Amino acid sequence: MILVRFVCQARFGKAGEVVAGFKQSGEIARTLVGPNVRGRILTDLSGPFDTVIQELEVESLAEWERLREVIFSNPQVQEAEAGLPDVIESGQTEFYTIEATWAAETVGS
């Protein structure tokens, strides 16, 4: 399993607009690629102010390349993300291999 992270530094005070754009494009992307891709959006509690991260979990780098083409060539996604260059100062994409996962156990189970 691969974790794809888009780490963005929003302009000061603009993290909310980046989150809104990521949420909108994420909803559209889910309809395009189906429920097998898990994702989340994170904002900073420490470190550089106005950092926004969008994460996606995909089966492989090959699957990411396939999904990337589907998602970013879609006109609705392009429209949803059209204003983001105005509120993002910089960013990078990171790829990680997920070696292990765990979840909190339910109390009483």
PDB file of N, CA and C in Angstrom:
ATOM      1  N   MET A   1       0.850  -1.162   0.000  1.00  0.00           N
ATOM      2  CA  MET A   1       0.000   0.000   0.000  1.00  0.00           C
ATOM      3  C   MET A   1       0.902   1.233   0.000  1.00  0.00           C
ATOM      4  N   ILE A   2       0.494   2.264  -0.744  1.00  0.00           N
ATOM      5  CA  ILE A   2       1.268   3.496  -0.890  1.00  0.00           C
ATOM      6  C   ILE A   2       0.453   4.667  -0.328  1.00  0.00           C
ATOM      7  N   LEU A   3       1.138   5.528   0.407  1.00  0.00           N
ATOM      8  CA  LEU A   3       0.540   6.768   0.888  1.00  0.00           C
ATOM      9  C   LEU A   3       1.080   7.894   0.026  1.00  0.00           C
ATOM     10  N   VAL A   4       0.161   8.638  -0.601  1.00  0.00           N
ATOM     11  CA  VAL A   4       0.520   9.800  -1.410  1.00  0.00           C
ATOM     12  C   VAL A   4       0.121  11.026  -0.600  1.00  0.00           C
ATOM     13  N   ARG A   5       1.072  11.917  -0.360  1.00  0.00           N
ATOM     14  CA  ARG A   5       0.805  13.123   0.433  1.00  0.00           C
ATOM     15  C   ARG A   5       1.092  14.362  -0.405  1.00  0.00           C
ATOM     16  N   PHE A   6       0.111  15.251  -0.466  1.00  0.00           N
ATOM     17  CA  PHE A   6       0.282  16.568  -1.072  1.00  0.00           C
ATOM     18  C   PHE A   6       0.432  17.543   0.091  1.00  0.00           C
ATOM     19  N   VAL A   7       1.617  18.053   0.296  1.00  0.00           N
ATOM     20  CA  VAL A   7       1.894  18.961   1.401  1.00  0.00           C
ATOM     21  C   VAL A   7       1.937  20.374   0.833  1.00  0.00           C
ATOM     22  N   CYS A   8       1.016  21.222   1.271  1.00  0.00           N
ATOM     23  CA  CYS A   8       0.890  22.573   0.727  1.00  0.00           C
ATOM     24  C   CYS A   8       1.078  23.610   1.822  1.00  0.00           C
ATOM     25  N   GLN A   9       1.798  24.644   1.475  1.00  0.00           N
ATOM     26  CA  GLN A   9       1.927  25.796   2.349  1.00  0.00           C
ATOM     27  C   GLN A   9       0.997  26.872   1.802  1.00  0.00           C
ATOM     28  N   ALA A  10      -0.115  27.087   2.508  1.00  0.00           N
ATOM     29  CA  ALA A  10      -1.074  28.108   2.074  1.00  0.00           C
ATOM     30  C   ALA A  10      -0.542  29.495   2.424  1.00  0.00           C
ATOM     31  N   ARG A  11      -1.011  30.488   1.693  1.00  0.00           N
ATOM     32  CA  ARG A  11      -0.699  31.866   2.052  1.00  0.00           C
ATOM     33  C   ARG A  11      -1.288  32.111   3.441  1.00  0.00           C
ATOM     34  N   PHE A  12      -0.707  33.041   4.183  1.00  0.00           N
ATOM     35  CA  PHE A  12      -1.129  33.287   5.556  1.00  0.00           C
ATOM     36  C   PHE A  12      -2.644  33.524   5.629  1.00  0.00           C
ATOM     37  N   GLY A  13      -3.314  32.764   6.475  1.00  0.00           N
ATOM     38  CA  GLY A  13      -4.744  32.902   6.679  1.00  0.00           C
ATOM     39  C   GLY A  13      -5.615  32.252   5.618  1.00  0.00           C
ATOM     40  N   LYS A  14      -5.021  31.547   4.667  1.00  0.00           N
ATOM     41  CA  LYS A  14      -5.778  30.972   3.547  1.00  0.00           C
ATOM     42  C   LYS A  14      -5.916  29.449   3.622  1.00  0.00           C
ATOM     43  N   ALA A  15      -5.511  28.833   4.727  1.00  0.00           N
ATOM     44  CA  ALA A  15      -5.594  27.376   4.830  1.00  0.00           C
ATOM     45  C   ALA A  15      -7.035  26.882   4.658  1.00  0.00           C
ATOM     46  N   GLY A  16      -7.999  27.619   5.167  1.00  0.00           N
ATOM     47  CA  GLY A  16      -9.402  27.224   5.040  1.00  0.00           C
ATOM     48  C   GLY A  16      -9.847  27.140   3.589  1.00  0.00           C
ATOM     49  N   GLU A  17      -9.362  28.051   2.765  1.00  0.00           N
ATOM     50  CA  GLU A  17      -9.707  28.012   1.341  1.00  0.00           C
ATOM     51  C   GLU A  17      -9.070  26.814   0.646  1.00  0.00           C
ATOM     52  N   VAL A  18      -7.847  26.469   1.054  1.00  0.00           N
ATOM     53  CA  VAL A  18      -7.193  25.288   0.486  1.00  0.00           C
ATOM     54  C   VAL A  18      -7.957  24.028   0.901  1.00  0.00           C
ATOM     55  N   VAL A  19      -8.342  23.955   2.168  1.00  0.00           N
ATOM     56  CA  VAL A  19      -9.120  22.810   2.654  1.00  0.00           C
ATOM     57  C   VAL A  19     -10.424  22.685   1.862  1.00  0.00           C
ATOM     58  N   ALA A  20     -11.112  23.795   1.658  1.00  0.00           N
ATOM     59  CA  ALA A  20     -12.377  23.770   0.904  1.00  0.00           C
ATOM     60  C   ALA A  20     -12.164  23.261  -0.520  1.00  0.00           C
ATOM     61  N   GLY A  21     -11.098  23.717  -1.174  1.00  0.00           N
ATOM     62  CA  GLY A  21     -10.798  23.251  -2.530  1.00  0.00           C
ATOM     63  C   GLY A  21     -10.467  21.765  -2.557  1.00  0.00           C
ATOM     64  N   PHE A  22      -9.671  21.307  -1.569  1.00  0.00           N
ATOM     65  CA  PHE A  22      -9.332  19.887  -1.482  1.00  0.00           C
ATOM     66  C   PHE A  22     -10.575  19.042  -1.215  1.00  0.00           C
ATOM     67  N   LYS A  23     -11.461  19.530  -0.346  1.00  0.00           N
ATOM     68  CA  LYS A  23     -12.693  18.781  -0.065  1.00  0.00           C
ATOM     69  C   LYS A  23     -13.541  18.646  -1.325  1.00  0.00           C
ATOM     70  N   GLN A  24     -13.703  19.737  -2.045  1.00  0.00           N
ATOM     71  CA  GLN A  24     -14.519  19.718  -3.261  1.00  0.00           C
ATOM     72  C   GLN A  24     -13.922  18.774  -4.302  1.00  0.00           C
ATOM     73  N   SER A  25     -12.625  18.892  -4.555  1.00  0.00           N
ATOM     74  CA  SER A  25     -12.006  18.017  -5.554  1.00  0.00           C
ATOM     75  C   SER A  25     -11.989  16.572  -5.066  1.00  0.00           C
ATOM     76  N   GLY A  26     -11.864  16.362  -3.748  1.00  0.00           N
ATOM     77  CA  GLY A  26     -11.891  15.009  -3.195  1.00  0.00           C
ATOM     78  C   GLY A  26     -13.226  14.329  -3.395  1.00  0.00           C
ATOM     79  N   GLU A  27     -14.313  15.069  -3.225  1.00  0.00           N
ATOM     80  CA  GLU A  27     -15.652  14.502  -3.462  1.00  0.00           C
ATOM     81  C   GLU A  27     -15.813  14.077  -4.914  1.00  0.00           C
ATOM     82  N   ILE A  28     -15.355  14.902  -5.816  1.00  0.00           N
ATOM     83  CA  ILE A  28     -15.438  14.576  -7.245  1.00  0.00           C
ATOM     84  C   ILE A  28     -14.565  13.364  -7.546  1.00  0.00           C
ATOM     85  N   ALA A  29     -13.354  13.354  -6.997  1.00  0.00           N
ATOM     86  CA  ALA A  29     -12.422  12.242  -7.248  1.00  0.00           C
ATOM     87  C   ALA A  29     -13.006  10.923  -6.764  1.00  0.00           C
ATOM     88  N   ARG A  30     -13.685  10.931  -5.611  1.00  0.00           N
ATOM     89  CA  ARG A  30     -14.287   9.689  -5.096  1.00  0.00           C
ATOM     90  C   ARG A  30     -15.320   9.124  -6.064  1.00  0.00           C
ATOM     91  N   THR A  31     -16.059   9.989  -6.731  1.00  0.00           N
ATOM     92  CA  THR A  31     -17.034   9.486  -7.703  1.00  0.00           C
ATOM     93  C   THR A  31     -16.333   8.916  -8.928  1.00  0.00           C
ATOM     94  N   LEU A  32     -15.131   9.406  -9.228  1.00  0.00           N
ATOM     95  CA  LEU A  32     -14.391   8.926 -10.391  1.00  0.00           C
ATOM     96  C   LEU A  32     -13.663   7.609 -10.136  1.00  0.00           C
ATOM     97  N   VAL A  33     -13.085   7.453  -8.944  1.00  0.00           N
ATOM     98  CA  VAL A  33     -12.223   6.301  -8.687  1.00  0.00           C
ATOM     99  C   VAL A  33     -12.852   5.250  -7.793  1.00  0.00           C
ATOM    100  N   GLY A  34     -13.978   5.559  -7.165  1.00  0.00           N
ATOM    101  CA  GLY A  34     -14.659   4.576  -6.342  1.00  0.00           C
ATOM    102  C   GLY A  34     -14.188   4.578  -4.897  1.00  0.00           C
ATOM    103  N   PRO A  35     -14.765   3.684  -4.105  1.00  0.00           N
ATOM    104  CA  PRO A  35     -14.531   3.677  -2.661  1.00  0.00           C
ATOM    105  C   PRO A  35     -13.228   3.005  -2.222  1.00  0.00           C
ATOM    106  N   ASN A  36     -12.455   2.452  -3.138  1.00  0.00           N
ATOM    107  CA  ASN A  36     -11.251   1.720  -2.744  1.00  0.00           C
ATOM    108  C   ASN A  36     -10.082   2.618  -2.352  1.00  0.00           C
ATOM    109  N   VAL A  37     -10.170   3.905  -2.628  1.00  0.00           N
ATOM    110  CA  VAL A  37      -9.103   4.829  -2.280  1.00  0.00           C
ATOM    111  C   VAL A  37      -9.507   5.573  -1.010  1.00  0.00           C
ATOM    112  N   ARG A  38      -8.654   5.480   0.000  1.00  0.00           N
ATOM    113  CA  ARG A  38      -8.922   6.193   1.251  1.00  0.00           C
ATOM    114  C   ARG A  38      -8.145   7.494   1.243  1.00  0.00           C
ATOM    115  N   GLY A  39      -8.705   8.522   1.838  1.00  0.00           N
ATOM    116  CA  GLY A  39      -8.021   9.802   1.886  1.00  0.00           C
ATOM    117  C   GLY A  39      -8.398  10.600   3.105  1.00  0.00           C
ATOM    118  N   ARG A  40      -7.631  11.640   3.353  1.00  0.00           N
ATOM    119  CA  ARG A  40      -7.961  12.571   4.429  1.00  0.00           C
ATOM    120  C   ARG A  40      -7.239  13.881   4.187  1.00  0.00           C
ATOM    121  N   ILE A  41      -7.720  14.919   4.860  1.00  0.00           N
ATOM    122  CA  ILE A  41      -7.128  16.250   4.774  1.00  0.00           C
ATOM    123  C   ILE A  41      -6.710  16.643   6.185  1.00  0.00           C
ATOM    124  N   LEU A  42      -5.493  17.130   6.304  1.00  0.00           N
ATOM    125  CA  LEU A  42      -4.932  17.505   7.603  1.00  0.00           C
ATOM    126  C   LEU A  42      -4.521  18.970   7.574  1.00  0.00           C
ATOM    127  N   THR A  43      -4.618  19.642   8.732  1.00  0.00           N
ATOM    128  CA  THR A  43      -4.073  20.991   8.869  1.00  0.00           C
ATOM    129  C   THR A  43      -3.150  21.007  10.077  1.00  0.00           C
ATOM    130  N   ASP A  44      -2.266  21.985  10.115  1.00  0.00           N
ATOM    131  CA  ASP A  44      -1.222  22.030  11.132  1.00  0.00           C
ATOM    132  C   ASP A  44      -1.749  22.338  12.521  1.00  0.00           C
ATOM    133  N   LEU A  45      -1.137  21.701  13.503  1.00  0.00           N
ATOM    134  CA  LEU A  45      -1.286  22.085  14.908  1.00  0.00           C
ATOM    135  C   LEU A  45       0.053  22.578  15.441  1.00  0.00           C
ATOM    136  N   SER A  46       1.101  22.308  14.688  1.00  0.00           N
ATOM    137  CA  SER A  46       2.444  22.777  15.020  1.00  0.00           C
ATOM    138  C   SER A  46       3.214  22.925  13.710  1.00  0.00           C
ATOM    139  N   GLY A  47       4.402  23.473  13.805  1.00  0.00           N
ATOM    140  CA  GLY A  47       5.201  23.662  12.598  1.00  0.00           C
ATOM    141  C   GLY A  47       4.757  24.897  11.846  1.00  0.00           C
ATOM    142  N   PRO A  48       5.082  24.958  10.555  1.00  0.00           N
ATOM    143  CA  PRO A  48       4.727  26.148   9.765  1.00  0.00           C
ATOM    144  C   PRO A  48       3.210  26.389   9.740  1.00  0.00           C
ATOM    145  N   PHE A  49       2.820  27.645   9.962  1.00  0.00           N
ATOM    146  CA  PHE A  49       1.402  28.009   9.918  1.00  0.00           C
ATOM    147  C   PHE A  49       0.816  27.747   8.542  1.00  0.00           C
ATOM    148  N   ASP A  50      -0.487  27.462   8.510  1.00  0.00           N
ATOM    149  CA  ASP A  50      -1.248  27.330   7.268  1.00  0.00           C
ATOM    150  C   ASP A  50      -0.724  26.208   6.369  1.00  0.00           C
ATOM    151  N   THR A  51      -0.293  25.105   6.988  1.00  0.00           N
ATOM    152  CA  THR A  51       0.086  23.914   6.237  1.00  0.00           C
ATOM    153  C   THR A  51      -1.144  23.045   6.078  1.00  0.00           C
ATOM    154  N   VAL A  52      -1.391  22.595   4.863  1.00  0.00           N
ATOM    155  CA  VAL A  52      -2.526  21.716   4.568  1.00  0.00           C
ATOM    156  C   VAL A  52      -1.969  20.498   3.839  1.00  0.00           C
ATOM    157  N   ILE A  53      -2.382  19.326   4.285  1.00  0.00           N
ATOM    158  CA  ILE A  53      -1.919  18.078   3.683  1.00  0.00           C
ATOM    159  C   ILE A  53      -3.127  17.277   3.236  1.00  0.00           C
ATOM    160  N   GLN A  54      -3.071  16.802   2.018  1.00  0.00           N
ATOM    161  CA  GLN A  54      -4.089  15.874   1.521  1.00  0.00           C
ATOM    162  C   GLN A  54      -3.386  14.533   1.324  1.00  0.00           C
ATOM    163  N   GLU A  55      -3.953  13.485   1.926  1.00  0.00           N
ATOM    164  CA  GLU A  55      -3.376  12.150   1.817  1.00  0.00           C
ATOM    165  C   GLU A  55      -4.323  11.210   1.089  1.00  0.00           C
ATOM    166  N   LEU A  56      -3.752  10.337   0.291  1.00  0.00           N
ATOM    167  CA  LEU A  56      -4.499   9.280  -0.386  1.00  0.00           C
ATOM    168  C   LEU A  56      -3.749   7.975  -0.185  1.00  0.00           C
ATOM    169  N   GLU A  57      -4.479   6.895   0.082  1.00  0.00           N
ATOM    170  CA  GLU A  57      -3.885   5.564   0.153  1.00  0.00           C
ATOM    171  C   GLU A  57      -4.303   4.799  -1.093  1.00  0.00           C
ATOM    172  N   VAL A  58      -3.305   4.289  -1.820  1.00  0.00           N
ATOM    173  CA  VAL A  58      -3.561   3.536  -3.038  1.00  0.00           C
ATOM    174  C   VAL A  58      -2.779   2.228  -2.985  1.00  0.00           C
ATOM    175  N   GLU A  59      -3.166   1.282  -3.812  1.00  0.00           N
ATOM    176  CA  GLU A  59      -2.555  -0.049  -3.784  1.00  0.00           C
ATOM    177  C   GLU A  59      -1.094  -0.059  -4.228  1.00  0.00           C
ATOM    178  N   SER A  60      -0.734   0.775  -5.201  1.00  0.00           N
ATOM    179  CA  SER A  60       0.621   0.740  -5.754  1.00  0.00           C
ATOM    180  C   SER A  60       0.915   2.052  -6.471  1.00  0.00           C
ATOM    181  N   LEU A  61       2.174   2.253  -6.825  1.00  0.00           N
ATOM    182  CA  LEU A  61       2.525   3.429  -7.625  1.00  0.00           C
ATOM    183  C   LEU A  61       1.872   3.365  -8.997  1.00  0.00           C
ATOM    184  N   ALA A  62       1.755   2.173  -9.545  1.00  0.00           N
ATOM    185  CA  ALA A  62       1.086   2.015 -10.843  1.00  0.00           C
ATOM    186  C   ALA A  62      -0.383   2.421 -10.736  1.00  0.00           C
ATOM    187  N   GLU A  63      -1.027   2.037  -9.645  1.00  0.00           N
ATOM    188  CA  GLU A  63      -2.422   2.429  -9.426  1.00  0.00           C
ATOM    189  C   GLU A  63      -2.520   3.945  -9.258  1.00  0.00           C
ATOM    190  N   TRP A  64      -1.552   4.546  -8.547  1.00  0.00           N
ATOM    191  CA  TRP A  64      -1.548   5.994  -8.399  1.00  0.00           C
ATOM    192  C   TRP A  64      -1.443   6.680  -9.759  1.00  0.00           C
ATOM    193  N   GLU A  65      -0.568   6.209 -10.613  1.00  0.00           N
ATOM    194  CA  GLU A  65      -0.411   6.807 -11.939  1.00  0.00           C
ATOM    195  C   GLU A  65      -1.708   6.715 -12.739  1.00  0.00           C
ATOM    196  N   ARG A  66      -2.386   5.587 -12.641  1.00  0.00           N
ATOM    197  CA  ARG A  66      -3.663   5.423 -13.342  1.00  0.00           C
ATOM    198  C   ARG A  66      -4.704   6.394 -12.790  1.00  0.00           C
ATOM    199  N   LEU A  67      -4.826   6.441 -11.467  1.00  0.00           N
ATOM    200  CA  LEU A  67      -5.813   7.325 -10.832  1.00  0.00           C
ATOM    201  C   LEU A  67      -5.484   8.799 -11.075  1.00  0.00           C
ATOM    202  N   ARG A  68      -4.208   9.116 -11.043  1.00  0.00           N
ATOM    203  CA  ARG A  68      -3.777  10.496 -11.275  1.00  0.00           C
ATOM    204  C   ARG A  68      -4.271  11.000 -12.623  1.00  0.00           C
ATOM    205  N   GLU A  69      -4.144  10.173 -13.635  1.00  0.00           N
ATOM    206  CA  GLU A  69      -4.611  10.543 -14.976  1.00  0.00           C
ATOM    207  C   GLU A  69      -6.123  10.758 -14.984  1.00  0.00           C
ATOM    208  N   VAL A  70      -6.859   9.862 -14.338  1.00  0.00           N
ATOM    209  CA  VAL A  70      -8.323   9.959 -14.288  1.00  0.00           C
ATOM    210  C   VAL A  70      -8.758  11.219 -13.539  1.00  0.00           C
ATOM    211  N   ILE A  71      -8.144  11.441 -12.377  1.00  0.00           N
ATOM    212  CA  ILE A  71      -8.555  12.557 -11.520  1.00  0.00           C
ATOM    213  C   ILE A  71      -8.203  13.906 -12.145  1.00  0.00           C
ATOM    214  N   PHE A  72      -6.944  14.092 -12.505  1.00  0.00           N
ATOM    215  CA  PHE A  72      -6.489  15.417 -12.909  1.00  0.00           C
ATOM    216  C   PHE A  72      -6.865  15.794 -14.341  1.00  0.00           C
ATOM    217  N   SER A  73      -7.346  14.835 -15.117  1.00  0.00           N
ATOM    218  CA  SER A  73      -7.827  15.188 -16.457  1.00  0.00           C
ATOM    219  C   SER A  73      -9.323  15.515 -16.455  1.00  0.00           C
ATOM    220  N   ASN A  74      -9.976  15.344 -15.305  1.00  0.00           N
ATOM    221  CA  ASN A  74     -11.404  15.600 -15.203  1.00  0.00           C
ATOM    222  C   ASN A  74     -11.680  17.106 -15.108  1.00  0.00           C
ATOM    223  N   PRO A  75     -12.547  17.640 -15.968  1.00  0.00           N
ATOM    224  CA  PRO A  75     -12.839  19.084 -15.954  1.00  0.00           C
ATOM    225  C   PRO A  75     -13.414  19.580 -14.625  1.00  0.00           C
ATOM    226  N   GLN A  76     -14.194  18.761 -13.933  1.00  0.00           N
ATOM    227  CA  GLN A  76     -14.763  19.190 -12.646  1.00  0.00           C
ATOM    228  C   GLN A  76     -13.668  19.354 -11.594  1.00  0.00           C
ATOM    229  N   VAL A  77     -12.699  18.447 -11.584  1.00  0.00           N
ATOM    230  CA  VAL A  77     -11.587  18.562 -10.648  1.00  0.00           C
ATOM    231  C   VAL A  77     -10.750  19.784 -11.004  1.00  0.00           C
ATOM    232  N   GLN A  78     -10.501  19.986 -12.269  1.00  0.00           N
ATOM    233  CA  GLN A  78      -9.734  21.159 -12.705  1.00  0.00           C
ATOM    234  C   GLN A  78     -10.426  22.451 -12.269  1.00  0.00           C
ATOM    235  N   GLU A  79     -11.741  22.489 -12.394  1.00  0.00           N
ATOM    236  CA  GLU A  79     -12.502  23.675 -11.982  1.00  0.00           C
ATOM    237  C   GLU A  79     -12.438  23.870 -10.469  1.00  0.00           C
ATOM    238  N   ALA A  80     -12.574  22.770  -9.719  1.00  0.00           N
ATOM    239  CA  ALA A  80     -12.539  22.857  -8.255  1.00  0.00           C
ATOM    240  C   ALA A  80     -11.187  23.351  -7.756  1.00  0.00           C
ATOM    241  N   GLU A  81     -10.121  23.019  -8.464  1.00  0.00           N
ATOM    242  CA  GLU A  81      -8.781  23.395  -8.032  1.00  0.00           C
ATOM    243  C   GLU A  81      -8.243  24.646  -8.739  1.00  0.00           C
ATOM    244  N   ALA A  82      -9.054  25.267  -9.574  1.00  0.00           N
ATOM    245  CA  ALA A  82      -8.598  26.416 -10.368  1.00  0.00           C
ATOM    246  C   ALA A  82      -8.104  27.572  -9.508  1.00  0.00           C
ATOM    247  N   GLY A  83      -8.738  27.830  -8.389  1.00  0.00           N
ATOM    248  CA  GLY A  83      -8.349  28.958  -7.548  1.00  0.00           C
ATOM    249  C   GLY A  83      -7.228  28.655  -6.574  1.00  0.00           C
ATOM    250  N   LEU A  84      -6.829  27.399  -6.461  1.00  0.00           N
ATOM    251  CA  LEU A  84      -5.818  27.043  -5.470  1.00  0.00           C
ATOM    252  C   LEU A  84      -4.456  27.703  -5.699  1.00  0.00           C
ATOM    253  N   PRO A  85      -4.001  27.887  -6.928  1.00  0.00           N
ATOM    254  CA  PRO A  85      -2.706  28.564  -7.088  1.00  0.00           C
ATOM    255  C   PRO A  85      -2.676  29.974  -6.482  1.00  0.00           C
ATOM    256  N   ASP A  86      -3.830  30.597  -6.331  1.00  0.00           N
ATOM    257  CA  ASP A  86      -3.885  31.931  -5.747  1.00  0.00           C
ATOM    258  C   ASP A  86      -3.725  31.911  -4.226  1.00  0.00           C
ATOM    259  N   VAL A  87      -3.957  30.765  -3.583  1.00  0.00           N
ATOM    260  CA  VAL A  87      -3.902  30.687  -2.122  1.00  0.00           C
ATOM    261  C   VAL A  87      -2.806  29.749  -1.608  1.00  0.00           C
ATOM    262  N   ILE A  88      -2.086  29.083  -2.507  1.00  0.00           N
ATOM    263  CA  ILE A  88      -0.987  28.197  -2.115  1.00  0.00           C
ATOM    264  C   ILE A  88       0.340  28.838  -2.504  1.00  0.00           C
ATOM    265  N   GLU A  89       1.236  28.955  -1.530  1.00  0.00           N
ATOM    266  CA  GLU A  89       2.563  29.504  -1.790  1.00  0.00           C
ATOM    267  C   GLU A  89       3.498  28.463  -2.381  1.00  0.00           C
ATOM    268  N   SER A  90       3.458  27.246  -1.831  1.00  0.00           N
ATOM    269  CA  SER A  90       4.357  26.196  -2.291  1.00  0.00           C
ATOM    270  C   SER A  90       3.787  24.846  -1.893  1.00  0.00           C
ATOM    271  N   GLY A  91       4.376  23.812  -2.431  1.00  0.00           N
ATOM    272  CA  GLY A  91       3.923  22.475  -2.080  1.00  0.00           C
ATOM    273  C   GLY A  91       4.838  21.413  -2.636  1.00  0.00           C
ATOM    274  N   GLN A  92       4.579  20.203  -2.198  1.00  0.00           N
ATOM    275  CA  GLN A  92       5.343  19.065  -2.673  1.00  0.00           C
ATOM    276  C   GLN A  92       4.490  17.818  -2.557  1.00  0.00           C
ATOM    277  N   THR A  93       4.858  16.819  -3.329  1.00  0.00           N
ATOM    278  CA  THR A  93       4.198  15.516  -3.254  1.00  0.00           C
ATOM    279  C   THR A  93       5.183  14.540  -2.649  1.00  0.00           C
ATOM    280  N   GLU A  94       4.706  13.738  -1.714  1.00  0.00           N
ATOM    281  CA  GLU A  94       5.541  12.733  -1.060  1.00  0.00           C
ATOM    282  C   GLU A  94       4.886  11.371  -1.237  1.00  0.00           C
ATOM    283  N   PHE A  95       5.704  10.340  -1.366  1.00  0.00           N
ATOM    284  CA  PHE A  95       5.222   8.973  -1.503  1.00  0.00           C
ATOM    285  C   PHE A  95       5.864   8.117  -0.417  1.00  0.00           C
ATOM    286  N   TYR A  96       5.052   7.326   0.261  1.00  0.00           N
ATOM    287  CA  TYR A  96       5.535   6.447   1.319  1.00  0.00           C
ATOM    288  C   TYR A  96       4.947   5.053   1.135  1.00  0.00           C
ATOM    289  N   THR A  97       5.733   4.042   1.476  1.00  0.00           N
ATOM    290  CA  THR A  97       5.224   2.680   1.549  1.00  0.00           C
ATOM    291  C   THR A  97       4.645   2.495   2.943  1.00  0.00           C
ATOM    292  N   ILE A  98       3.407   2.046   3.023  1.00  0.00           N
ATOM    293  CA  ILE A  98       2.784   1.780   4.316  1.00  0.00           C
ATOM    294  C   ILE A  98       3.235   0.384   4.750  1.00  0.00           C
ATOM    295  N   GLU A  99       4.020   0.328   5.798  1.00  0.00           N
ATOM    296  CA  GLU A  99       4.588  -0.925   6.277  1.00  0.00           C
ATOM    297  C   GLU A  99       3.674  -1.648   7.260  1.00  0.00           C
ATOM    298  N   ALA A 100       2.883  -0.882   8.022  1.00  0.00           N
ATOM    299  CA  ALA A 100       1.980  -1.484   9.004  1.00  0.00           C
ATOM    300  C   ALA A 100       0.915  -0.467   9.369  1.00  0.00           C
ATOM    301  N   THR A 101      -0.244  -0.939   9.761  1.00  0.00           N
ATOM    302  CA  THR A 101      -1.315  -0.072  10.263  1.00  0.00           C
ATOM    303  C   THR A 101      -1.916  -0.694  11.510  1.00  0.00           C
ATOM    304  N   TRP A 102      -2.584   0.114  12.306  1.00  0.00           N
ATOM    305  CA  TRP A 102      -3.304  -0.368  13.463  1.00  0.00           C
ATOM    306  C   TRP A 102      -4.427   0.596  13.772  1.00  0.00           C
ATOM    307  N   ALA A 103      -5.354   0.129  14.555  1.00  0.00           N
ATOM    308  CA  ALA A 103      -6.488   0.955  14.985  1.00  0.00           C
ATOM    309  C   ALA A 103      -6.708   0.728  16.467  1.00  0.00           C
ATOM    310  N   ALA A 104      -7.259   1.706  17.107  1.00  0.00           N
ATOM    311  CA  ALA A 104      -7.569   1.566  18.538  1.00  0.00           C
ATOM    312  C   ALA A 104      -8.606   0.484  18.717  1.00  0.00           C
ATOM    313  N   GLU A 105      -8.431  -0.312  19.734  1.00  0.00           N
ATOM    314  CA  GLU A 105      -9.407  -1.365  20.020  1.00  0.00           C
ATOM    315  C   GLU A 105     -10.628  -0.748  20.674  1.00  0.00           C
ATOM    316  N   THR A 106     -11.766  -1.315  20.378  1.00  0.00           N
ATOM    317  CA  THR A 106     -13.008  -0.842  20.972  1.00  0.00           C
ATOM    318  C   THR A 106     -13.065  -1.316  22.419  1.00  0.00           C
ATOM    319  N   VAL A 107     -13.386  -0.405  23.322  1.00  0.00           N
ATOM    320  CA  VAL A 107     -13.486  -0.734  24.753  1.00  0.00           C
ATOM    321  C   VAL A 107     -14.610  -1.745  24.927  1.00  0.00           C
ATOM    322  N   GLY A 108     -14.334  -2.786  25.680  1.00  0.00           N
ATOM    323  CA  GLY A 108     -15.361  -3.796  25.975  1.00  0.00           C
ATOM    324  C   GLY A 108     -15.507  -4.863  24.920  1.00  0.00           C
ATOM    325  N   SER A 109     -14.647  -4.879  23.913  1.00  0.00           N
ATOM    326  CA  SER A 109     -14.794  -5.922  22.898  1.00  0.00           C
ATOM    327  C   SER A 109     -13.879  -7.087  23.172  1.00  0.00           C
TER     328      SER A 109
END
